[in-house]
Structures are given as structure tokens and as C-alpha cells.
Amino acid sequence: MRRRERPAGEKLLQFSWRDTLLTLLALALAIGLSALCRYFDPEGDSYAPMLFLFAVALVSRLTRGYFYGVAAAVLSVFAINFAFTVPLMSFNFSLAGYPLTFLVLLATALLISAMTTQLKRQEERNYRARLEEMRANLLRAVSHDLRTPLTSISAAASLLSDETKDIAPERRRAMLAEISDDAQWLIRMVENLLSITRVGEAADVRKTPEAAEEVVSEAVRKYRARFARPVASISLPEELVMAPMDPILIRQVLSNLLENAAFHAEGAENVRVTLRVEGDEAVFEVSDDGAGIPEAKLKTLFDPSAAQPSDSAAHSRNNMGIGLSVCRTIVMAHGGTLSARNLKGGGACFRFTLPMKEEETHA
């Protein structure tokens, strides 16, 4: 059953440790700078309002929703009144201009929060629309590409089952090998098709914290069971890497990239899967020691429109664009990025990242 899509504003007022700490830090910075300015210029009384106005604007821009910006505005007014207006260290709500200061800070918080929320919603809509368009294009491409091997299998099976046909043993073995190859290709395509469907509409991916090492090991084990060359190896960090993901989908990404090396890395003897942590991202790399990727193909490598199948079954089986496009769609749905480059010493490297902290906008 598909998860209900969460409206963009559903979490606007929910508590967040990140936003709370950011608000407190911004206000503490404003207090510290205001105190410093007052120390060097005891007669100056305009520093605190400007510094607290900047703090309110910063909080409103960097936090989600309206709550923290409004809270920062209210706390700023009380802080200015208590610590930076005469008499110091006491409240005086009858001061001239006090209502104006309060209204300006509050209006600033509301305005910036509204603009930020609107921009984030628009960004999310654009992201979802782009991902859904990619998903639709991939479904069309995969569906079209299923016809050729099915036709080939049907024709070969019909010919082999016709007892009136006198087929030489060598030709019979070749036809059976073709059926097996086409069937294996269909299995891979169906797995990709299921992966695209699993992504769901508008990046609806169920993510749970998973040990990335286990996902990598399972993908490599599956690869080794099918391919003897290139020889697969793994490089893992010493510490456990936990990242929010759908393990089935990420395993499919790794399987596609490994199979891509097996089918398309000309002259490759080895393929290596590397996992490491960079900042707050888990980084996966699948590299080989083959001939690399032609420069002309690098720009359209992940474009499903550039991977449209021909009427040739061999061409369809050797078409790597659809599988790579599936990888990109899955990685994007996880909030990560996927790229490819040629290595200086020869070979190609596919690199994708997964955020180790789940973002609410793509949950």
C-alpha cells in the first residue's frame, strides 16, 4: 500500500533540535556582539536592534516554517529591552519606540519565513516533477525494450519445438544459448522495472537506517555468482556506516553498476566497490580497469532518451543507458547524486552518494 504523500506544510510547527539549537546560537551571537559593541561604545544604542534584526532574519531563513523566526523576534525584543536599553537589566515596556521595534522584528520574521517556506515548497515541487518525469520516461523505455527479447525467445522456442524441423546440434545449442541470454536480460530488465515502480510516485521511498557494508557485500556476492570476470573486490571503512535507504533499491543500483562493468568495461580484469564517509554523506564507488567511457557518451550516460532501444536484440542487451538511468532515479529519490568519470590510469568510476541524515523535504 502506497504511503500517503505528506503535504508540504504539515511539519511547519514541529519541534526540531536542529532549528532550536540554531535559534539559540543566533540569539547568543547577537547578545555577545551587542555586549561587545556596548563595551567599546557605551553611548551607542543602535547596535543591538540591528544585530538582533540580523539574527531574526538568519533564523527565519535557515529554519523550517514560521515558529522559530517568530520566537526569535519575540525573544529579541525582550533581550533588547532587558539588557541593552536604559535602565539596564530590567524591563521597561513604556519606552518610546518599543512597540515599533517589536512590530519591525515580528514583521521581518514573518516575511522572511513566508518567503523561505514558499521557496522550499517550490523547490520540492520542481524536484518531484523532475523525478516523476524521469520515472515516466524510464518506464516507457523499459516497456518498449521488453518486446525484442520476448519476440526472439518466442521465435526460437517455436522453432525448437517443431519436430518437423531438422536442426543441427550446433545450431540448436546456439539457439538455446540465445534463449538463455535473452531470459537473463529480461530478468535484469524486470528487476529494473520493479525498482522504478518501487520508487513510487514523486519520490515516495521508504528509508530506514541500514548498514551500507551489508548492502555492498550482498550486491557483490550476487555479482560473483553470475560473473567470473572482471573479478570483484570490496574496500570498506573500519567504522560501521549507517545511512537511511531502501536497501533493495540501493542493492539494485550497485548490481546495475557492477553488471555495467561486466558487459561494457572493455578489457577490464578487475572491478572494485569502495565505500567511505565524506562529511555527512556515504560515498559508494564502482571502478574498473578497462578502457573507460568514450568522452562523447559521458554527457548523455544517464539520459534515458539517449538509450532508446533499436530493433536489434543484441543492441538491446548491450544497452547500458536504461540501467544507469534507473540508478540515477533511485539515487535522486534518496536525495543523493550519481556521476561518472574516466580514471587517469585507465578505466571508469561511477560514484554515488547517500545522505547519512534523512532530510525532511524528501521523506
Protein backbone atom coordinates (compact mmCIF):
# COMPACT_ATOMS: atom_id res chain seq x y z
CA MET A 1 0.00 0.00 0.00
CA ARG A 2 1.47 3.36 -1.03
CA ARG A 3 2.27 5.79 1.73
CA ARG A 4 0.14 8.93 1.84
CA GLU A 5 2.00 11.90 0.42
CA ARG A 6 2.77 14.43 3.14
CA PRO A 7 1.67 17.97 2.39
CA ALA A 8 4.48 20.49 2.20
CA GLY A 9 3.33 22.42 5.26
CA GLU A 10 2.48 19.51 7.52
CA LYS A 11 5.71 19.80 9.54
CA LEU A 12 5.89 23.60 9.75
CA LEU A 13 5.41 23.79 13.53
CA GLN A 14 7.01 20.52 14.64
CA PHE A 15 9.85 20.61 17.14
CA SER A 16 13.36 20.27 15.72
CA TRP A 17 16.58 20.06 17.73
CA ARG A 18 18.48 21.46 14.77
CA ASP A 19 16.28 24.52 14.46
CA THR A 20 16.17 25.03 18.23
CA LEU A 21 19.97 24.97 18.55
CA LEU A 22 20.35 27.22 15.51
CA THR A 23 17.91 29.76 17.00
CA LEU A 24 19.66 29.76 20.38
CA LEU A 25 23.06 30.08 18.71
CA ALA A 26 21.94 33.03 16.57
CA LEU A 27 20.45 34.83 19.58
CA ALA A 28 23.53 34.13 21.71
CA LEU A 29 25.71 35.53 18.93
CA ALA A 30 23.53 38.67 18.75
CA ILE A 31 23.74 39.10 22.53
CA GLY A 32 27.52 38.64 22.52
CA LEU A 33 28.12 41.08 19.67
CA SER A 34 25.73 43.63 21.17
CA ALA A 35 27.53 43.42 24.53
CA LEU A 36 30.88 43.79 22.76
CA CYS A 37 29.69 46.86 20.84
CA ARG A 38 28.32 48.41 24.03
CA TYR A 39 31.63 47.77 25.79
CA PHE A 40 33.56 49.74 23.18
CA ASP A 41 30.84 52.37 22.68
CA PRO A 42 28.82 52.78 25.91
CA GLU A 43 26.81 55.65 24.44
CA GLY A 44 25.74 53.75 21.31
CA ASP A 45 22.20 52.43 21.42
CA SER A 46 21.60 51.39 17.80
CA TYR A 47 23.85 48.35 17.63
CA ALA A 48 21.61 45.88 19.45
CA PRO A 49 18.46 46.38 17.31
CA MET A 50 20.42 45.93 14.09
CA LEU A 51 22.27 42.85 15.34
CA PHE A 52 19.10 41.24 16.65
CA LEU A 53 17.30 42.10 13.40
CA PHE A 54 20.04 40.25 11.51
CA ALA A 55 19.73 37.29 13.92
CA VAL A 56 15.96 37.16 13.36
CA ALA A 57 16.46 37.26 9.57
CA LEU A 58 19.06 34.49 9.79
CA VAL A 59 16.84 32.26 11.93
CA SER A 60 13.84 32.85 9.67
CA ARG A 61 15.87 31.93 6.59
CA LEU A 62 17.58 28.81 7.92
CA THR A 63 14.78 27.20 9.95
CA ARG A 64 11.64 25.46 8.74
CA GLY A 65 8.27 27.14 8.99
CA TYR A 66 7.32 30.25 10.94
CA PHE A 67 7.65 29.23 14.58
CA TYR A 68 11.37 29.73 15.16
CA GLY A 69 11.51 33.06 13.31
CA VAL A 70 8.60 34.45 15.32
CA ALA A 71 10.06 33.06 18.57
CA ALA A 72 13.40 34.68 17.76
CA ALA A 73 11.66 38.01 17.12
CA VAL A 74 9.80 37.92 20.46
CA LEU A 75 12.90 36.87 22.41
CA SER A 76 14.95 39.56 20.66
CA VAL A 77 12.54 42.31 21.70
CA PHE A 78 12.70 41.16 25.34
CA ALA A 79 16.50 40.84 25.20
CA ILE A 80 16.93 44.34 23.77
CA ASN A 81 14.55 45.75 26.37
CA PHE A 82 16.19 43.96 29.29
CA ALA A 83 19.92 44.11 28.52
CA PHE A 84 20.55 46.90 26.05
CA THR A 85 18.20 49.76 26.92
CA VAL A 86 18.33 52.04 29.97
CA PRO A 87 17.69 51.09 32.68
CA LEU A 88 19.88 48.05 32.07
CA MET A 89 18.99 44.60 33.42
CA SER A 90 15.34 45.45 33.91
CA PHE A 91 12.21 45.51 31.80
CA ASN A 92 10.62 48.80 30.84
CA PHE A 93 7.69 48.40 28.46
CA SER A 94 6.86 52.13 28.46
CA LEU A 95 9.94 53.09 26.46
CA ALA A 96 9.38 55.22 23.36
CA GLY A 97 9.63 53.18 20.18
CA TYR A 98 9.25 49.85 21.93
CA PRO A 99 6.06 48.84 20.04
CA LEU A 100 7.71 49.80 16.72
CA THR A 101 10.79 47.68 17.48
CA PHE A 102 8.58 44.73 18.32
CA LEU A 103 6.47 45.11 15.16
CA VAL A 104 9.51 45.52 12.87
CA LEU A 105 11.21 42.39 14.22
CA LEU A 106 7.99 40.39 14.10
CA ALA A 107 7.16 41.55 10.56
CA THR A 108 10.71 40.72 9.42
CA ALA A 109 10.45 37.22 10.86
CA LEU A 110 7.08 36.56 9.25
CA LEU A 111 8.11 37.97 5.88
CA ILE A 112 11.37 36.04 5.60
CA SER A 113 9.78 32.86 6.95
CA ALA A 114 6.97 33.11 4.40
CA MET A 115 9.39 33.70 1.53
CA THR A 116 11.66 30.86 2.65
CA THR A 117 8.76 28.45 3.07
CA GLN A 118 7.42 29.34 -0.36
CA LEU A 119 10.84 28.85 -1.98
CA LYS A 120 11.29 25.49 -0.27
CA ARG A 121 7.85 24.33 -1.40
CA GLN A 122 8.58 25.40 -4.98
CA GLU A 123 11.93 23.65 -4.90
CA GLU A 124 10.26 20.49 -3.63
CA ARG A 125 7.59 20.65 -6.34
CA ASN A 126 10.25 21.09 -9.03
CA TYR A 127 12.27 18.20 -7.61
CA ARG A 128 9.27 15.90 -7.52
CA ALA A 129 8.16 16.90 -11.02
CA ARG A 130 11.63 16.22 -12.42
CA LEU A 131 11.87 12.86 -10.70
CA GLU A 132 8.40 11.84 -11.84
CA GLU A 133 9.23 12.82 -15.42
CA MET A 134 12.38 10.70 -15.31
CA ARG A 135 10.43 7.80 -13.85
CA ALA A 136 7.78 8.02 -16.58
CA ASN A 137 10.43 8.17 -19.33
CA LEU A 138 12.21 5.15 -17.85
CA LEU A 139 9.00 3.13 -17.65
CA ARG A 140 8.28 3.86 -21.30
CA ALA A 141 11.82 2.97 -22.34
CA VAL A 142 11.92 -0.27 -20.34
CA SER A 143 8.47 -1.33 -21.53
CA HIS A 144 9.49 -0.77 -25.15
CA ASP A 145 12.75 -2.64 -24.65
CA LEU A 146 10.98 -5.76 -23.35
CA ARG A 147 9.42 -6.57 -26.72
CA THR A 148 12.55 -7.52 -28.68
CA PRO A 149 13.86 -10.34 -26.42
CA LEU A 150 10.33 -11.69 -25.91
CA THR A 151 9.89 -11.92 -29.66
CA SER A 152 13.29 -13.58 -30.02
CA ILE A 153 12.57 -16.12 -27.27
CA SER A 154 9.15 -16.93 -28.71
CA ALA A 155 10.52 -17.46 -32.22
CA ALA A 156 13.43 -19.63 -31.06
CA ALA A 157 11.24 -21.72 -28.75
CA SER A 158 8.68 -22.23 -31.51
CA LEU A 159 11.38 -23.35 -33.91
CA LEU A 160 12.95 -25.74 -31.42
CA SER A 161 9.58 -27.28 -30.51
CA ASP A 162 8.75 -28.01 -34.15
CA GLU A 163 9.75 -31.65 -34.52
CA THR A 164 9.46 -31.44 -38.32
CA LYS A 165 12.46 -29.13 -38.42
CA ASP A 166 15.83 -30.79 -38.77
CA ILE A 167 18.14 -28.53 -36.76
CA ALA A 168 21.84 -29.27 -36.43
CA PRO A 169 23.08 -29.81 -32.84
CA GLU A 170 25.40 -26.80 -33.07
CA ARG A 171 22.55 -24.57 -34.22
CA ARG A 172 20.27 -25.97 -31.51
CA ARG A 173 22.86 -25.20 -28.81
CA ALA A 174 23.32 -21.69 -30.21
CA MET A 175 19.57 -21.07 -30.15
CA LEU A 176 19.31 -22.35 -26.57
CA ALA A 177 22.19 -20.05 -25.59
CA GLU A 178 20.36 -17.13 -27.19
CA ILE A 179 17.18 -18.00 -25.28
CA SER A 180 19.18 -18.16 -22.05
CA ASP A 181 20.87 -14.80 -22.75
CA ASP A 182 17.56 -13.15 -23.60
CA ALA A 183 15.93 -14.62 -20.49
CA GLN A 184 18.75 -13.33 -18.27
CA TRP A 185 18.43 -9.92 -19.89
CA LEU A 186 14.68 -9.95 -19.26
CA ILE A 187 15.28 -10.80 -15.61
CA ARG A 188 17.56 -7.77 -15.27
CA MET A 189 15.07 -5.54 -17.04
CA VAL A 190 12.19 -6.74 -14.85
CA GLU A 191 14.31 -6.08 -11.75
CA ASN A 192 14.92 -2.54 -13.01
CA LEU A 193 11.24 -2.15 -13.81
CA LEU A 194 10.30 -3.26 -10.29
CA SER A 195 12.88 -0.85 -8.88
CA ILE A 196 11.36 2.06 -10.79
CA THR A 197 7.89 1.07 -9.58
CA ARG A 198 9.22 0.75 -6.03
CA VAL A 199 10.41 4.34 -6.14
CA GLY A 200 6.73 5.23 -6.39
CA GLU A 201 5.14 8.47 -7.40
CA ALA A 202 7.02 11.66 -6.58
CA ALA A 203 9.99 10.13 -4.78
CA ASP A 204 7.92 8.14 -2.29
CA VAL A 205 10.79 6.00 -0.95
CA ARG A 206 10.65 4.20 2.38
CA LYS A 207 14.03 4.76 4.03
CA THR A 208 15.33 3.14 7.19
CA PRO A 209 18.86 3.25 8.68
CA GLU A 210 20.79 0.37 7.14
CA ALA A 211 24.37 -0.89 7.36
CA ALA A 212 25.82 0.13 3.99
CA GLU A 213 28.52 -2.58 4.27
CA GLU A 214 25.89 -5.31 4.22
CA VAL A 215 24.20 -3.88 1.13
CA VAL A 216 27.54 -3.68 -0.70
CA SER A 217 28.52 -7.21 0.30
CA GLU A 218 25.19 -8.66 -0.86
CA ALA A 219 25.42 -6.90 -4.24
CA VAL A 220 28.98 -8.17 -4.79
CA ARG A 221 28.03 -11.69 -3.72
CA LYS A 222 25.21 -11.69 -6.28
CA TYR A 223 27.60 -10.40 -8.95
CA ARG A 224 30.24 -13.07 -8.22
CA ALA A 225 27.63 -15.80 -8.56
CA ARG A 226 27.00 -14.72 -12.17
CA PHE A 227 30.29 -13.31 -13.44
CA ALA A 228 33.84 -14.63 -13.22
CA ARG A 229 35.32 -11.57 -14.95
CA PRO A 230 36.01 -8.83 -14.13
CA VAL A 231 37.00 -10.03 -10.66
CA ALA A 232 35.10 -8.08 -8.00
CA SER A 233 36.69 -6.78 -4.80
CA ILE A 234 35.46 -4.61 -1.92
CA SER A 235 37.01 -1.77 0.06
CA LEU A 236 35.16 -0.91 3.28
CA PRO A 237 35.92 1.55 6.11
CA GLU A 238 36.74 0.33 9.60
CA GLU A 239 33.74 2.03 11.19
CA LEU A 240 30.15 0.96 10.59
CA VAL A 241 28.38 3.17 8.04
CA MET A 242 24.65 3.63 8.70
CA ALA A 243 22.62 5.53 6.10
CA PRO A 244 18.85 5.96 5.57
CA MET A 245 17.96 3.96 2.46
CA ASP A 246 15.73 1.41 0.83
CA PRO A 247 18.28 -1.47 0.81
CA ILE A 248 16.59 -3.29 -2.08
CA LEU A 249 16.82 -0.22 -4.31
CA ILE A 250 20.42 0.61 -3.39
CA ARG A 251 21.40 -3.02 -3.93
CA GLN A 252 19.83 -2.72 -7.39
CA VAL A 253 21.93 0.38 -8.08
CA LEU A 254 25.12 -1.47 -7.14
CA SER A 255 24.08 -4.54 -9.17
CA ASN A 256 23.43 -2.39 -12.23
CA LEU A 257 26.80 -0.66 -11.92
CA LEU A 258 28.63 -3.97 -11.44
CA GLU A 259 26.84 -5.56 -14.41
CA ASN A 260 27.65 -2.47 -16.44
CA ALA A 261 31.34 -3.17 -15.80
CA ALA A 262 30.90 -6.82 -16.75
CA PHE A 263 29.17 -6.03 -20.06
CA HIS A 264 30.70 -2.73 -21.13
CA ALA A 265 34.11 -2.23 -19.49
CA GLU A 266 36.23 -3.30 -22.44
CA GLY A 267 39.41 -5.09 -21.37
CA ALA A 268 38.60 -4.86 -17.65
CA GLU A 269 40.08 -7.54 -15.42
CA ASN A 270 39.00 -6.11 -12.08
CA VAL A 271 36.09 -4.16 -10.68
CA ARG A 272 36.17 -2.63 -7.21
CA VAL A 273 33.37 -1.40 -4.94
CA THR A 274 34.51 1.22 -2.45
CA LEU A 275 32.55 2.60 0.48
CA ARG A 276 33.65 5.56 2.58
CA VAL A 277 32.26 8.52 4.52
CA GLU A 278 32.76 12.11 3.40
CA GLY A 279 31.24 14.68 5.75
CA ASP A 280 27.62 13.70 6.30
CA GLU A 281 27.41 11.52 3.18
CA ALA A 282 28.06 7.86 2.47
CA VAL A 283 30.04 7.59 -0.78
CA PHE A 284 29.85 4.49 -3.00
CA GLU A 285 32.23 3.99 -5.95
CA VAL A 286 32.30 1.22 -8.55
CA SER A 287 35.51 1.43 -10.58
CA ASP A 288 37.14 -0.81 -13.17
CA ASP A 289 40.48 -1.03 -15.00
CA GLY A 290 39.04 -1.22 -18.51
CA ALA A 291 39.24 1.11 -21.49
CA GLY A 292 36.99 3.76 -19.94
CA ILE A 293 33.94 5.55 -21.34
CA PRO A 294 34.09 7.45 -24.64
CA GLU A 295 34.01 11.17 -23.88
CA ALA A 296 31.07 11.68 -26.24
CA LYS A 297 28.94 9.32 -24.12
CA LEU A 298 29.74 10.82 -20.72
CA LYS A 299 27.31 13.74 -21.15
CA THR A 300 24.32 11.54 -22.02
CA LEU A 301 25.23 8.47 -19.99
CA PHE A 302 22.28 8.75 -17.59
CA ASP A 303 19.74 10.09 -20.10
CA PRO A 304 17.00 7.52 -20.84
CA SER A 305 16.11 9.29 -24.09
CA ALA A 306 19.64 8.58 -25.34
CA ALA A 307 19.19 4.88 -24.54
CA GLN A 308 16.20 4.10 -26.72
CA PRO A 309 16.40 0.51 -27.98
CA SER A 310 16.74 -0.49 -31.59
CA ASP A 311 15.18 -3.48 -33.27
CA SER A 312 18.33 -5.48 -32.64
CA ALA A 313 18.22 -7.90 -29.74
CA ALA A 314 22.00 -7.66 -29.40
CA HIS A 315 21.78 -3.90 -29.23
CA SER A 316 19.07 -4.11 -26.58
CA ARG A 317 21.12 -6.46 -24.43
CA ASN A 318 24.17 -4.21 -24.72
CA ASN A 319 22.28 -1.02 -23.99
CA MET A 320 23.57 0.34 -20.69
CA GLY A 321 21.70 3.65 -20.69
CA ILE A 322 18.41 2.39 -19.23
CA GLY A 323 20.09 0.61 -16.31
CA LEU A 324 22.15 3.70 -15.50
CA SER A 325 19.07 5.90 -15.74
CA VAL A 326 17.34 3.62 -13.24
CA CYS A 327 20.35 4.06 -10.95
CA ARG A 328 20.14 7.83 -11.22
CA THR A 329 16.40 7.86 -10.48
CA ILE A 330 16.87 5.71 -7.38
CA VAL A 331 19.79 7.77 -6.08
CA MET A 332 17.90 11.03 -6.67
CA ALA A 333 14.89 9.64 -4.78
CA HIS A 334 17.26 9.10 -1.83
CA GLY A 335 18.46 12.71 -2.00
CA GLY A 336 21.88 11.74 -3.39
CA THR A 337 23.85 12.29 -6.59
CA LEU A 338 25.29 9.96 -9.23
CA SER A 339 28.18 10.76 -11.57
CA ALA A 340 30.71 9.02 -13.81
CA ARG A 341 34.25 9.82 -14.85
CA ASN A 342 37.24 8.23 -16.51
CA LEU A 343 40.25 7.42 -14.34
CA LYS A 344 43.69 8.75 -15.23
CA GLY A 345 45.26 5.32 -15.06
CA GLY A 346 42.55 3.79 -17.25
CA GLY A 347 39.07 2.56 -16.57
CA ALA A 348 35.89 4.24 -15.39
CA CYS A 349 34.47 5.15 -11.99
CA PHE A 350 30.79 5.53 -11.10
CA ARG A 351 30.24 7.44 -7.87
CA PHE A 352 27.02 7.98 -5.94
CA THR A 353 26.29 9.50 -2.55
CA LEU A 354 23.60 9.00 0.08
CA PRO A 355 22.87 11.49 2.87
CA MET A 356 23.54 9.91 6.26
CA LYS A 357 20.93 12.19 7.82
CA GLU A 358 17.48 11.97 6.31
CA GLU A 359 16.12 15.28 5.02
CA GLU A 360 12.52 16.04 5.88
CA THR A 361 11.83 17.59 2.48
CA HIS A 362 12.37 14.27 0.74
CA ALA A 363 10.98 11.97 3.36
